[in-house]
N, C-alpha and C. Protein backbone atom coordinates (compact mmCIF):
# COMPACT_ATOMS: atom_id res chain seq x y z
N UNK A 1 7.92 -187.66 47.62
CA UNK A 1 6.75 -187.47 48.02
C UNK A 1 5.18 -187.88 47.32
N UNK A 2 4.39 -188.83 48.76
CA UNK A 2 3.51 -188.84 48.27
C UNK A 2 2.66 -190.61 48.57
N UNK A 3 4.08 -191.02 49.10
CA UNK A 3 3.15 -192.31 49.67
C UNK A 3 4.36 -192.82 50.32
N UNK A 4 4.09 -193.12 51.32
CA UNK A 4 4.24 -193.60 52.77
C UNK A 4 4.18 -195.01 53.14
N UNK A 5 5.45 -196.10 53.55
CA UNK A 5 4.89 -197.29 53.77
C UNK A 5 5.88 -197.23 55.05
N UNK A 6 5.09 -197.05 56.68
CA UNK A 6 5.62 -197.61 58.01
C UNK A 6 5.00 -198.93 58.35
N UNK A 7 5.30 -198.92 59.52
CA UNK A 7 5.23 -200.27 60.85
C UNK A 7 5.14 -199.87 61.83
N UNK A 8 4.39 -199.24 62.48
CA UNK A 8 4.51 -198.46 63.93
C UNK A 8 4.29 -200.34 65.25
N UNK A 9 4.64 -199.74 65.94
CA UNK A 9 4.86 -200.81 67.31
C UNK A 9 4.51 -200.04 68.86
N UNK A 10 3.05 -201.04 69.42
CA UNK A 10 3.45 -200.08 70.69
C UNK A 10 4.44 -200.58 71.91
N UNK A 11 4.99 -200.18 72.18
CA UNK A 11 6.25 -200.29 73.57
C UNK A 11 5.70 -200.03 74.83
N UNK A 12 6.68 -200.16 75.43
CA UNK A 12 6.89 -199.70 76.88
C UNK A 12 7.98 -199.55 77.03
N UNK A 13 8.28 -198.43 77.59
CA UNK A 13 9.86 -197.17 78.32
C UNK A 13 10.66 -198.27 78.28
N UNK A 14 10.51 -199.12 78.99
CA UNK A 14 12.02 -199.95 79.20
C UNK A 14 12.20 -200.76 77.64
N UNK A 15 11.05 -200.80 76.76
CA UNK A 15 11.78 -201.43 75.51
C UNK A 15 12.10 -200.96 74.61
N UNK A 16 11.87 -199.30 74.81
CA UNK A 16 12.63 -198.48 73.87
C UNK A 16 14.26 -198.03 75.19
N UNK A 17 14.31 -197.63 75.81
CA UNK A 17 15.41 -197.53 76.48
C UNK A 17 15.95 -198.82 75.48
N UNK A 18 15.74 -199.91 75.64
CA UNK A 18 16.96 -200.90 75.31
C UNK A 18 17.19 -201.11 73.64
N UNK A 19 15.96 -200.50 72.79
CA UNK A 19 16.30 -200.12 72.07
C UNK A 19 17.87 -199.22 71.87
N UNK A 20 16.94 -197.75 72.21
CA UNK A 20 17.89 -196.69 72.30
C UNK A 20 19.64 -197.11 72.86
N UNK A 21 19.73 -197.90 73.12
CA UNK A 21 21.08 -198.64 73.55
C UNK A 21 21.52 -199.29 72.44
N UNK A 22 20.96 -199.92 71.71
CA UNK A 22 20.85 -200.43 70.26
C UNK A 22 21.43 -199.71 69.35
N UNK A 23 20.85 -198.04 69.60
CA UNK A 23 20.94 -197.00 67.99
C UNK A 23 21.20 -195.87 69.00
N UNK A 24 22.23 -196.09 69.70
CA UNK A 24 22.48 -194.68 70.86
C UNK A 24 22.83 -193.08 69.77
N UNK A 25 22.52 -193.00 68.36
CA UNK A 25 22.66 -192.05 67.66
C UNK A 25 21.78 -190.87 67.07
N UNK A 26 20.21 -191.37 67.46
CA UNK A 26 18.88 -191.25 67.57
C UNK A 26 19.50 -189.65 68.07
N UNK A 27 18.39 -188.87 67.19
CA UNK A 27 18.87 -187.54 67.74
C UNK A 27 17.09 -186.92 68.12
N UNK A 28 16.62 -186.41 69.42
CA UNK A 28 15.41 -186.55 69.68
C UNK A 28 15.18 -184.86 69.08
N UNK A 29 13.96 -184.84 69.03
CA UNK A 29 13.01 -184.22 67.75
C UNK A 29 11.49 -183.76 68.70
N UNK A 30 11.32 -182.21 69.15
CA UNK A 30 10.02 -181.87 70.01
C UNK A 30 9.16 -182.14 68.94
N UNK A 31 8.07 -182.84 69.19
CA UNK A 31 6.68 -182.89 68.24
C UNK A 31 5.37 -182.86 69.02
N UNK A 32 4.49 -181.60 68.23
CA UNK A 32 3.15 -180.80 68.91
C UNK A 32 2.65 -180.79 67.80
N UNK A 33 1.40 -182.02 68.02
CA UNK A 33 0.87 -182.69 66.21
C UNK A 33 -0.94 -181.49 66.79
N UNK A 34 -1.80 -181.07 65.35
CA UNK A 34 -2.90 -180.94 65.32
C UNK A 34 -3.28 -181.10 64.68
N UNK A 35 -4.38 -182.48 64.94
CA UNK A 35 -5.05 -182.75 64.02
C UNK A 35 -6.37 -181.95 63.67
N UNK A 36 -7.28 -181.84 62.60
CA UNK A 36 -7.96 -181.14 61.87
C UNK A 36 -9.72 -181.76 60.72
N UNK A 37 -10.74 -181.47 61.60
CA UNK A 37 -11.44 -182.47 60.26
C UNK A 37 -12.20 -181.38 60.13
N UNK A 38 -13.43 -181.10 59.31
CA UNK A 38 -14.38 -180.14 58.51
C UNK A 38 -14.99 -180.75 59.59
N UNK A 39 -15.92 -179.58 60.52
CA UNK A 39 -17.34 -179.66 61.50
C UNK A 39 -17.90 -180.95 60.90
N UNK A 40 -18.24 -181.51 60.02
CA UNK A 40 -18.71 -182.76 59.42
C UNK A 40 -18.74 -183.73 59.67
N UNK A 41 -16.59 -183.82 60.48
CA UNK A 41 -16.45 -185.59 60.06
C UNK A 41 -16.21 -185.40 59.31
N UNK A 42 -16.74 -184.71 57.70
CA UNK A 42 -15.89 -185.31 56.17
C UNK A 42 -14.18 -186.23 55.72
N UNK A 43 -13.91 -185.57 56.70
CA UNK A 43 -12.12 -185.97 56.29
C UNK A 43 -11.87 -187.34 57.35
N UNK A 44 -12.50 -187.18 58.58
CA UNK A 44 -12.55 -188.91 58.92
C UNK A 44 -13.07 -189.75 58.76
N UNK A 45 -14.35 -189.15 58.20
CA UNK A 45 -15.13 -190.30 57.45
C UNK A 45 -14.46 -190.61 56.20
N UNK A 46 -13.05 -190.31 55.54
CA UNK A 46 -12.62 -191.06 54.36
C UNK A 46 -11.52 -191.36 55.00
N UNK A 47 -11.35 -191.22 55.85
CA UNK A 47 -9.73 -192.06 56.40
C UNK A 47 -8.67 -191.21 56.39
N UNK A 48 -9.31 -189.24 55.97
CA UNK A 48 -7.62 -188.47 55.70
C UNK A 48 -7.23 -188.35 57.32
N UNK A 49 -6.20 -187.85 57.18
CA UNK A 49 -5.26 -187.41 58.31
C UNK A 49 -4.29 -186.02 57.69
N UNK A 50 -5.63 -184.47 58.57
CA UNK A 50 -4.69 -183.70 57.96
C UNK A 50 -4.46 -183.38 59.06
N UNK A 51 -2.99 -182.39 59.04
CA UNK A 51 -2.14 -182.04 60.35
C UNK A 51 -1.08 -181.10 60.83
N UNK A 52 -0.98 -180.63 61.34
CA UNK A 52 -0.17 -179.77 61.42
C UNK A 52 0.94 -179.94 62.74
N UNK A 53 2.28 -179.72 62.19
CA UNK A 53 2.72 -180.51 63.01
C UNK A 53 3.84 -179.44 63.57
N UNK A 54 4.02 -179.04 64.47
CA UNK A 54 5.43 -177.93 64.83
C UNK A 54 6.77 -179.27 65.20
N UNK A 55 7.73 -179.24 64.16
CA UNK A 55 8.94 -180.07 64.07
C UNK A 55 10.07 -179.43 65.48
N UNK A 56 10.60 -179.22 66.57
CA UNK A 56 11.73 -178.59 67.15
C UNK A 56 11.10 -177.51 66.48
N UNK A 57 10.25 -176.80 66.37
CA UNK A 57 9.42 -175.36 66.36
C UNK A 57 9.15 -174.86 64.79
N UNK A 58 9.35 -175.88 63.95
CA UNK A 58 9.31 -175.93 62.55
C UNK A 58 7.95 -176.15 62.35
N UNK A 59 6.78 -175.16 61.36
CA UNK A 59 5.88 -175.85 61.39
C UNK A 59 5.62 -176.35 59.32
N UNK A 60 4.91 -177.55 59.93
CA UNK A 60 4.83 -178.62 58.79
C UNK A 60 3.53 -179.04 58.56
N UNK A 61 3.09 -178.43 57.34
CA UNK A 61 0.86 -178.82 57.45
C UNK A 61 1.11 -180.50 56.22
N UNK A 62 0.22 -181.41 56.96
CA UNK A 62 0.64 -182.37 56.24
C UNK A 62 -0.74 -183.25 55.57
N UNK A 63 -0.82 -183.95 54.89
CA UNK A 63 -2.13 -185.15 54.45
C UNK A 63 -1.89 -186.07 54.62
N UNK A 64 -3.07 -186.91 54.99
CA UNK A 64 -2.35 -188.71 54.63
C UNK A 64 -3.82 -189.53 54.25
N UNK A 65 -3.26 -190.14 52.81
CA UNK A 65 -4.55 -190.65 53.02
C UNK A 65 -4.64 -192.56 52.55
N UNK A 66 -5.41 -193.45 52.60
CA UNK A 66 -5.37 -194.90 52.64
C UNK A 66 -4.21 -194.56 51.50
N UNK A 67 -4.24 -195.85 50.65
CA UNK A 67 -2.90 -196.43 49.52
C UNK A 67 -3.15 -197.94 49.54
N UNK A 68 -3.02 -198.57 48.47
CA UNK A 68 -3.20 -199.84 48.12
C UNK A 68 -1.59 -200.72 49.33
N UNK A 69 -2.09 -201.78 49.81
CA UNK A 69 -0.31 -202.71 50.03
C UNK A 69 -0.59 -201.92 51.56
N UNK A 70 -1.10 -201.39 52.24
CA UNK A 70 -0.54 -200.58 53.77
C UNK A 70 -0.31 -199.26 53.55
N UNK A 71 0.57 -198.75 53.01
CA UNK A 71 1.06 -198.01 52.68
C UNK A 71 -0.24 -196.44 53.07
N UNK A 72 0.40 -195.24 52.45
CA UNK A 72 -0.83 -194.10 52.23
C UNK A 72 -0.30 -193.17 52.14
N UNK A 73 -0.93 -192.39 50.86
CA UNK A 73 -0.40 -191.13 50.43
C UNK A 73 -0.28 -190.17 51.64
N UNK A 74 0.80 -189.40 51.16
CA UNK A 74 1.78 -188.29 52.09
C UNK A 74 1.85 -187.35 51.28
N UNK A 75 1.62 -186.33 51.84
CA UNK A 75 2.00 -184.73 50.92
C UNK A 75 2.34 -183.85 52.11
N UNK A 76 3.46 -183.37 52.46
CA UNK A 76 3.52 -182.06 53.00
C UNK A 76 4.65 -181.02 52.52
N UNK A 77 4.04 -179.63 52.73
CA UNK A 77 5.06 -178.72 52.62
C UNK A 77 5.29 -177.85 54.14
N UNK A 78 6.57 -177.13 54.46
CA UNK A 78 6.36 -176.57 55.40
C UNK A 78 5.26 -174.95 55.19
N UNK A 79 4.19 -174.37 56.27
CA UNK A 79 3.29 -173.63 56.17
C UNK A 79 3.12 -173.32 57.41
N UNK A 80 2.33 -171.77 57.18
CA UNK A 80 2.28 -171.71 58.99
C UNK A 80 0.99 -171.95 59.76
N UNK A 81 -0.26 -172.51 58.77
CA UNK A 81 -1.36 -172.16 58.36
C UNK A 81 -1.90 -173.62 57.47
N UNK A 82 -2.82 -174.12 58.81
CA UNK A 82 -3.13 -175.13 58.16
C UNK A 82 -4.20 -174.86 56.59
N UNK A 83 -4.68 -174.06 56.88
CA UNK A 83 -6.07 -173.51 55.66
C UNK A 83 -5.32 -172.80 54.49
N UNK A 84 -4.06 -171.91 55.16
CA UNK A 84 -3.66 -171.72 53.79
C UNK A 84 -2.70 -172.91 52.69
N UNK A 85 -2.38 -174.02 53.65
CA UNK A 85 -1.57 -175.57 52.95
C UNK A 85 -2.42 -175.63 52.27
N UNK A 86 -3.62 -175.76 52.36
CA UNK A 86 -4.55 -176.67 51.88
C UNK A 86 -4.34 -176.89 50.52
N UNK A 87 -4.77 -175.30 49.92
CA UNK A 87 -4.64 -175.45 47.78
C UNK A 87 -3.22 -175.93 47.89
N UNK A 88 -2.26 -175.58 48.72
CA UNK A 88 -0.86 -176.08 48.28
C UNK A 88 -0.87 -177.42 48.40
N UNK A 89 -0.86 -178.05 49.17
CA UNK A 89 -1.41 -179.88 49.58
C UNK A 89 -1.71 -180.17 48.09
N UNK A 90 -2.53 -179.50 47.72
CA UNK A 90 -3.63 -179.82 46.53
C UNK A 90 -2.75 -180.06 45.13
N UNK A 91 -1.89 -179.20 44.50
CA UNK A 91 -0.91 -178.73 44.12
C UNK A 91 0.62 -179.55 43.68
N UNK A 92 0.24 -180.14 44.68
CA UNK A 92 1.86 -181.06 45.40
C UNK A 92 1.05 -182.39 44.89
N UNK A 93 -0.25 -182.71 44.69
CA UNK A 93 -0.72 -184.60 44.54
C UNK A 93 -2.03 -184.72 45.62
N UNK A 94 -1.87 -183.47 46.33
CA UNK A 94 -2.93 -184.27 47.03
C UNK A 94 -4.81 -184.26 46.36
N UNK A 95 -5.79 -185.35 47.08
CA UNK A 95 -6.42 -185.07 46.51
C UNK A 95 -7.13 -183.52 46.36
N UNK A 96 -7.74 -183.77 44.93
CA UNK A 96 -8.84 -182.01 44.59
C UNK A 96 -9.67 -181.96 45.01
N UNK A 97 -10.05 -183.27 46.48
CA UNK A 97 -11.51 -182.72 46.38
C UNK A 97 -11.22 -182.07 47.61
N UNK A 98 -10.11 -182.14 48.81
CA UNK A 98 -9.48 -181.34 49.86
C UNK A 98 -10.26 -180.01 49.86
N UNK A 99 -10.32 -179.43 49.05
CA UNK A 99 -10.69 -178.28 48.22
C UNK A 99 -11.96 -178.10 49.14
N UNK A 100 -12.22 -178.45 48.47
CA UNK A 100 -14.19 -178.50 48.67
C UNK A 100 -14.82 -178.71 50.25
N UNK A 101 -14.10 -179.93 50.48
CA UNK A 101 -14.76 -180.25 51.36
C UNK A 101 -14.33 -179.21 52.89
N UNK A 102 -13.26 -179.04 52.79
CA UNK A 102 -12.42 -177.80 53.24
C UNK A 102 -13.46 -175.99 53.27
N UNK A 103 -14.11 -175.74 52.27
CA UNK A 103 -14.93 -174.90 51.99
C UNK A 103 -15.15 -174.26 53.02
N UNK A 104 -15.90 -174.47 53.57
CA UNK A 104 -16.55 -173.72 54.93
C UNK A 104 -15.29 -173.81 56.35
N UNK A 105 -14.26 -174.46 56.54
CA UNK A 105 -13.54 -174.25 56.84
C UNK A 105 -13.14 -175.98 57.85
N UNK A 106 -12.06 -175.64 58.65
CA UNK A 106 -11.62 -176.85 59.23
C UNK A 106 -11.38 -176.47 61.01
N UNK A 107 -11.52 -177.83 61.91
CA UNK A 107 -11.57 -177.10 62.97
C UNK A 107 -10.19 -178.47 63.35
N UNK A 108 -10.23 -177.43 64.97
CA UNK A 108 -8.93 -178.58 65.34
C UNK A 108 -10.17 -179.97 66.26
N UNK A 109 -9.77 -180.83 66.09
CA UNK A 109 -10.22 -182.10 67.02
C UNK A 109 -9.42 -183.19 67.68
N UNK A 110 -8.02 -183.12 67.84
CA UNK A 110 -7.07 -183.43 68.72
C UNK A 110 -5.93 -183.36 68.57
N UNK A 111 -5.54 -184.23 69.59
CA UNK A 111 -3.66 -183.60 69.14
C UNK A 111 -2.83 -184.76 69.70
N UNK A 112 -1.53 -184.48 69.91
CA UNK A 112 -0.32 -185.10 70.63
C UNK A 112 1.41 -184.23 70.64
N UNK A 113 1.53 -184.65 72.10
CA UNK A 113 2.69 -184.10 71.72
C UNK A 113 3.45 -184.73 73.03
N UNK A 114 5.07 -184.79 71.76
CA UNK A 114 5.65 -186.17 72.13
C UNK A 114 7.37 -185.99 71.35
N UNK A 115 8.15 -186.09 72.22
CA UNK A 115 9.79 -186.53 71.88
C UNK A 115 9.80 -187.89 70.98
N UNK A 116 10.54 -187.58 69.76
CA UNK A 116 11.03 -188.39 68.87
C UNK A 116 11.96 -188.73 68.53
N UNK A 117 12.70 -189.49 68.63
CA UNK A 117 13.99 -190.12 68.85
C UNK A 117 14.58 -190.33 67.57
N UNK A 118 15.40 -190.17 66.39
CA UNK A 118 15.28 -190.58 65.33
C UNK A 118 16.77 -190.37 64.66
N UNK A 119 16.60 -191.07 63.33
CA UNK A 119 17.62 -191.73 63.14
C UNK A 119 17.47 -192.92 61.55
N UNK A 120 18.18 -192.50 60.64
CA UNK A 120 18.26 -193.21 59.42
C UNK A 120 19.12 -194.00 59.24
N UNK A 121 18.30 -195.55 59.01
CA UNK A 121 19.36 -197.03 58.95
C UNK A 121 19.60 -197.63 57.92
N UNK A 122 20.44 -197.74 58.21
CA UNK A 122 21.09 -198.82 56.24
C UNK A 122 20.36 -200.68 56.81
N UNK A 123 19.50 -200.72 56.45
CA UNK A 123 19.07 -202.01 56.21
C UNK A 123 19.17 -202.98 55.05
N UNK A 124 19.37 -204.65 55.34
CA UNK A 124 19.40 -205.64 54.04
C UNK A 124 18.54 -204.81 52.64
N UNK A 125 18.57 -204.30 52.00
CA UNK A 125 18.19 -203.97 50.96
C UNK A 125 16.98 -202.65 50.92
N UNK A 126 17.15 -202.03 51.95
CA UNK A 126 16.34 -201.09 52.38
C UNK A 126 17.14 -200.07 52.80
N UNK A 127 16.83 -198.64 52.77
CA UNK A 127 16.52 -197.57 53.76
C UNK A 127 15.78 -196.80 55.01
N UNK A 128 16.28 -197.08 56.07
CA UNK A 128 14.94 -196.41 57.24
C UNK A 128 14.89 -195.63 58.12
N UNK A 129 13.98 -194.93 58.07
CA UNK A 129 13.85 -193.94 59.27
C UNK A 129 13.29 -195.38 60.64
N UNK A 130 13.96 -195.37 61.65
CA UNK A 130 13.76 -195.69 62.57
C UNK A 130 13.91 -194.54 63.88
N UNK A 131 11.85 -194.39 64.76
CA UNK A 131 11.59 -193.24 65.30
C UNK A 131 11.30 -193.76 66.79
N UNK A 132 11.49 -193.31 67.54
CA UNK A 132 10.99 -194.03 69.44
C UNK A 132 9.52 -192.39 69.65
N UNK A 133 9.10 -192.83 69.67
CA UNK A 133 8.06 -191.78 70.03
C UNK A 133 7.54 -191.85 71.47
N UNK A 134 7.55 -190.83 72.77
CA UNK A 134 7.62 -190.93 73.26
C UNK A 134 6.55 -189.94 74.00
N UNK A 135 5.11 -189.95 74.60
CA UNK A 135 4.43 -188.20 75.26
C UNK A 135 2.97 -188.71 75.52
N UNK A 136 2.01 -187.89 75.14
CA UNK A 136 0.89 -188.09 75.12
C UNK A 136 -0.16 -187.80 73.82
N UNK A 137 -1.20 -188.48 74.02
CA UNK A 137 -2.14 -187.77 72.67
C UNK A 137 -3.34 -186.99 73.75
N UNK A 138 -4.05 -186.27 73.19
CA UNK A 138 -4.83 -185.50 73.25
C UNK A 138 -5.77 -185.44 72.53
N UNK A 139 -7.08 -185.65 73.46
CA UNK A 139 -8.60 -184.92 72.57
C UNK A 139 -9.94 -185.65 73.43
N UNK A 140 -10.96 -184.22 73.81
CA UNK A 140 -11.92 -183.88 74.21
C UNK A 140 -11.46 -183.24 75.52
N UNK A 141 -10.16 -182.96 76.18
CA UNK A 141 -10.23 -182.60 77.60
C UNK A 141 -9.62 -183.63 78.13
N UNK A 142 -8.95 -184.96 77.24
CA UNK A 142 -8.29 -186.22 78.18
C UNK A 142 -7.25 -185.98 77.42
N UNK A 143 -6.28 -186.70 78.36
CA UNK A 143 -4.95 -186.84 77.78
C UNK A 143 -4.73 -189.20 77.59
N UNK A 144 -4.06 -188.84 76.90
CA UNK A 144 -3.23 -190.88 76.72
C UNK A 144 -2.26 -190.70 76.97
N UNK A 145 -1.77 -191.94 77.24
CA UNK A 145 -0.26 -192.16 76.79
C UNK A 145 0.35 -192.16 75.75
N UNK A 146 1.28 -191.92 75.30
CA UNK A 146 1.81 -192.48 74.04
C UNK A 146 3.25 -192.86 73.98
N UNK A 147 3.33 -194.15 73.40
CA UNK A 147 4.47 -194.86 73.71
C UNK A 147 5.01 -196.00 72.74
N UNK A 148 5.73 -195.50 71.28
CA UNK A 148 6.18 -196.56 70.04
C UNK A 148 7.26 -196.48 69.69
N UNK A 149 7.16 -197.31 68.43
CA UNK A 149 8.17 -197.76 67.74
C UNK A 149 7.93 -197.97 66.39
N UNK A 150 8.90 -197.00 65.91
CA UNK A 150 8.06 -196.96 63.89
C UNK A 150 9.48 -196.95 63.40
N UNK A 151 9.05 -197.83 62.35
CA UNK A 151 9.85 -198.46 61.30
C UNK A 151 9.97 -197.58 60.03
N UNK A 152 10.10 -196.53 59.52
CA UNK A 152 9.25 -196.13 57.97
C UNK A 152 10.38 -196.47 56.54
N UNK A 153 10.12 -196.84 55.89
CA UNK A 153 10.81 -197.07 54.35
C UNK A 153 11.17 -195.75 54.20
N UNK A 154 12.63 -195.31 54.08
CA UNK A 154 13.00 -194.18 52.68
C UNK A 154 13.48 -194.86 51.70
N UNK A 155 13.92 -195.83 51.66
CA UNK A 155 14.03 -196.22 50.35
C UNK A 155 14.44 -197.73 49.91
N UNK A 156 14.35 -198.64 48.75
CA UNK A 156 14.17 -200.42 49.26
C UNK A 156 12.67 -200.00 49.02
N UNK A 157 12.61 -201.56 49.36
CA UNK A 157 11.17 -202.08 49.11
C UNK A 157 10.09 -202.84 50.18
N UNK A 158 8.83 -202.44 50.41
CA UNK A 158 8.31 -202.82 50.95
C UNK A 158 8.65 -204.24 51.79
N UNK A 159 8.92 -205.08 51.27
CA UNK A 159 9.47 -206.70 52.10
C UNK A 159 10.55 -206.43 52.61
N UNK A 160 11.55 -205.68 52.43
CA UNK A 160 12.88 -205.88 52.67
C UNK A 160 12.06 -204.80 54.28
N UNK A 161 11.49 -203.79 54.61
CA UNK A 161 10.63 -203.47 55.94
C UNK A 161 10.15 -203.96 56.59
N UNK A 162 9.82 -204.64 55.56
CA UNK A 162 9.01 -205.34 56.71
C UNK A 162 9.94 -205.92 57.16
N UNK A 163 11.00 -207.22 56.40
CA UNK A 163 11.73 -208.30 57.31
C UNK A 163 12.55 -207.58 58.25
N UNK A 164 12.76 -206.12 58.46
CA UNK A 164 13.65 -205.85 59.45
C UNK A 164 12.87 -205.55 60.27
N UNK A 165 11.66 -204.59 60.43
CA UNK A 165 11.20 -204.24 61.31
C UNK A 165 10.29 -205.35 61.91
N UNK A 166 9.79 -206.42 60.87
CA UNK A 166 9.58 -208.10 62.04
C UNK A 166 10.38 -208.10 63.50
N UNK A 167 11.81 -208.39 62.41
CA UNK A 167 12.81 -209.06 63.65
C UNK A 167 13.03 -207.90 64.44
N UNK A 168 12.84 -206.73 64.40
CA UNK A 168 13.51 -205.84 65.14
C UNK A 168 12.42 -206.36 66.73
N UNK A 169 10.90 -205.52 66.22
CA UNK A 169 9.63 -206.45 67.24
C UNK A 169 10.30 -207.73 67.33
N UNK A 170 10.57 -208.33 66.72
CA UNK A 170 11.06 -209.67 67.66
C UNK A 170 11.53 -209.67 68.93
N UNK A 171 13.12 -208.60 68.38
CA UNK A 171 14.09 -208.73 69.25
C UNK A 171 13.32 -208.44 70.97
N UNK A 172 12.98 -207.35 70.71
CA UNK A 172 12.68 -206.71 71.75
C UNK A 172 11.28 -206.78 72.03
N UNK A 173 10.67 -207.59 71.78
CA UNK A 173 9.27 -208.24 71.83
C UNK A 173 7.92 -206.76 71.85
N UNK A 174 7.96 -205.97 71.13
CA UNK A 174 7.01 -204.91 70.17
C UNK A 174 6.10 -205.97 69.56
N UNK A 175 4.89 -205.45 70.07
CA UNK A 175 3.14 -205.65 69.49
C UNK A 175 2.80 -204.53 68.49
N UNK A 176 2.60 -205.56 67.48
CA UNK A 176 2.17 -204.05 66.29
C UNK A 176 1.41 -203.35 66.79
N UNK A 177 0.60 -201.95 66.14
CA UNK A 177 -0.03 -201.02 67.25
C UNK A 177 -1.07 -200.53 65.67
N UNK A 178 -2.13 -201.59 64.89
CA UNK A 178 -2.65 -201.04 64.13
C UNK A 178 -2.92 -199.84 64.29
N UNK A 179 -3.56 -198.81 65.16
CA UNK A 179 -3.82 -197.95 64.98
C UNK A 179 -2.92 -196.47 64.65
N UNK A 180 -3.75 -195.83 64.17
CA UNK A 180 -2.50 -194.20 63.67
C UNK A 180 -2.92 -193.68 65.38
N UNK A 181 -1.90 -192.64 65.22
CA UNK A 181 -2.10 -191.41 66.56
C UNK A 181 -3.25 -190.56 66.60
N UNK A 182 -3.58 -190.64 65.20
CA UNK A 182 -4.93 -189.04 65.02
C UNK A 182 -5.77 -190.15 64.96
N UNK A 183 -5.98 -191.85 64.83
CA UNK A 183 -6.85 -192.14 64.93
C UNK A 183 -7.24 -192.71 67.14
N UNK A 184 -6.48 -192.98 67.50
CA UNK A 184 -6.33 -192.66 69.29
C UNK A 184 -6.31 -191.87 69.49
N UNK A 185 -6.23 -190.35 69.34
CA UNK A 185 -6.42 -190.01 69.86
C UNK A 185 -7.97 -188.76 69.53
N UNK A 186 -8.48 -189.12 68.09
CA UNK A 186 -9.77 -189.03 67.53
C UNK A 186 -10.49 -189.57 68.83
N UNK A 187 -10.04 -190.83 69.22
CA UNK A 187 -10.86 -191.69 70.34
C UNK A 187 -11.09 -191.13 71.56
N UNK A 188 -9.78 -190.85 71.45
CA UNK A 188 -10.12 -189.96 73.66
C UNK A 188 -11.19 -188.62 72.78
N UNK A 189 -11.31 -188.13 71.71
CA UNK A 189 -12.17 -186.73 71.65
C UNK A 189 -13.86 -187.22 70.93
N UNK A 190 -13.40 -188.08 70.79
CA UNK A 190 -15.15 -189.11 70.27
C UNK A 190 -15.55 -189.44 72.23
N UNK A 191 -14.90 -189.70 72.57
CA UNK A 191 -15.02 -190.62 73.97
C UNK A 191 -16.01 -189.06 74.85
N UNK A 192 -15.31 -188.28 74.82
CA UNK A 192 -15.63 -186.91 75.69
C UNK A 192 -17.00 -186.60 75.12
N UNK A 193 -17.15 -187.03 73.55
CA UNK A 193 -17.86 -186.63 72.80
C UNK A 193 -19.74 -187.03 73.09
N UNK A 194 -19.29 -188.81 73.18
CA UNK A 194 -20.53 -189.37 73.70
C UNK A 194 -21.09 -189.40 74.83
N UNK A 195 -20.16 -188.90 75.67
CA UNK A 195 -20.29 -188.81 77.37
C UNK A 195 -21.16 -187.71 77.85
N UNK A 196 -21.18 -186.83 76.30
CA UNK A 196 -22.59 -185.49 76.94
C UNK A 196 -23.76 -186.20 75.53
N UNK A 197 -23.86 -187.19 75.29
CA UNK A 197 -25.19 -187.41 74.49
C UNK A 197 -25.85 -187.96 75.24
């Protein structure tokens, strides 16, 4: 708990289908995510991501923060209400500032609904989770397509994870996706806001 290192690639449905043929044992998980921020946008200004995600009906609350070397800080726990989860996330090691920033409440800002096909794979020097995500991003009454491939390090070195992910990307013609789901969903929400300025 506390550090996430993953590589994310944009994909087309046919690219995902080709990867599924190589990894037929990936397990489907239904995901529904709501992202939160303070009314003043304090969390997004710090590039923090606060979310509640239903994973096959199981409610998981998570905070992610920037970290060195392309990684992210990540703390999560099973809890039904994001407001109740905030102090508990801090007890796990999330920045204590989260409590004071959220003392006046947090609001829903955007979201995502998708199916994840996931499985743990062994590669040279590391253990990885491979995830194929397909669905929609939501924000400001808008929706946008979501189709991507994630390779997340579970054990081993960052360098080995990068080598594996890059080889997979070359094999299937995948393009790096520099923006998180949250950032892309937030752009949808802000596009709607700007239309009313």
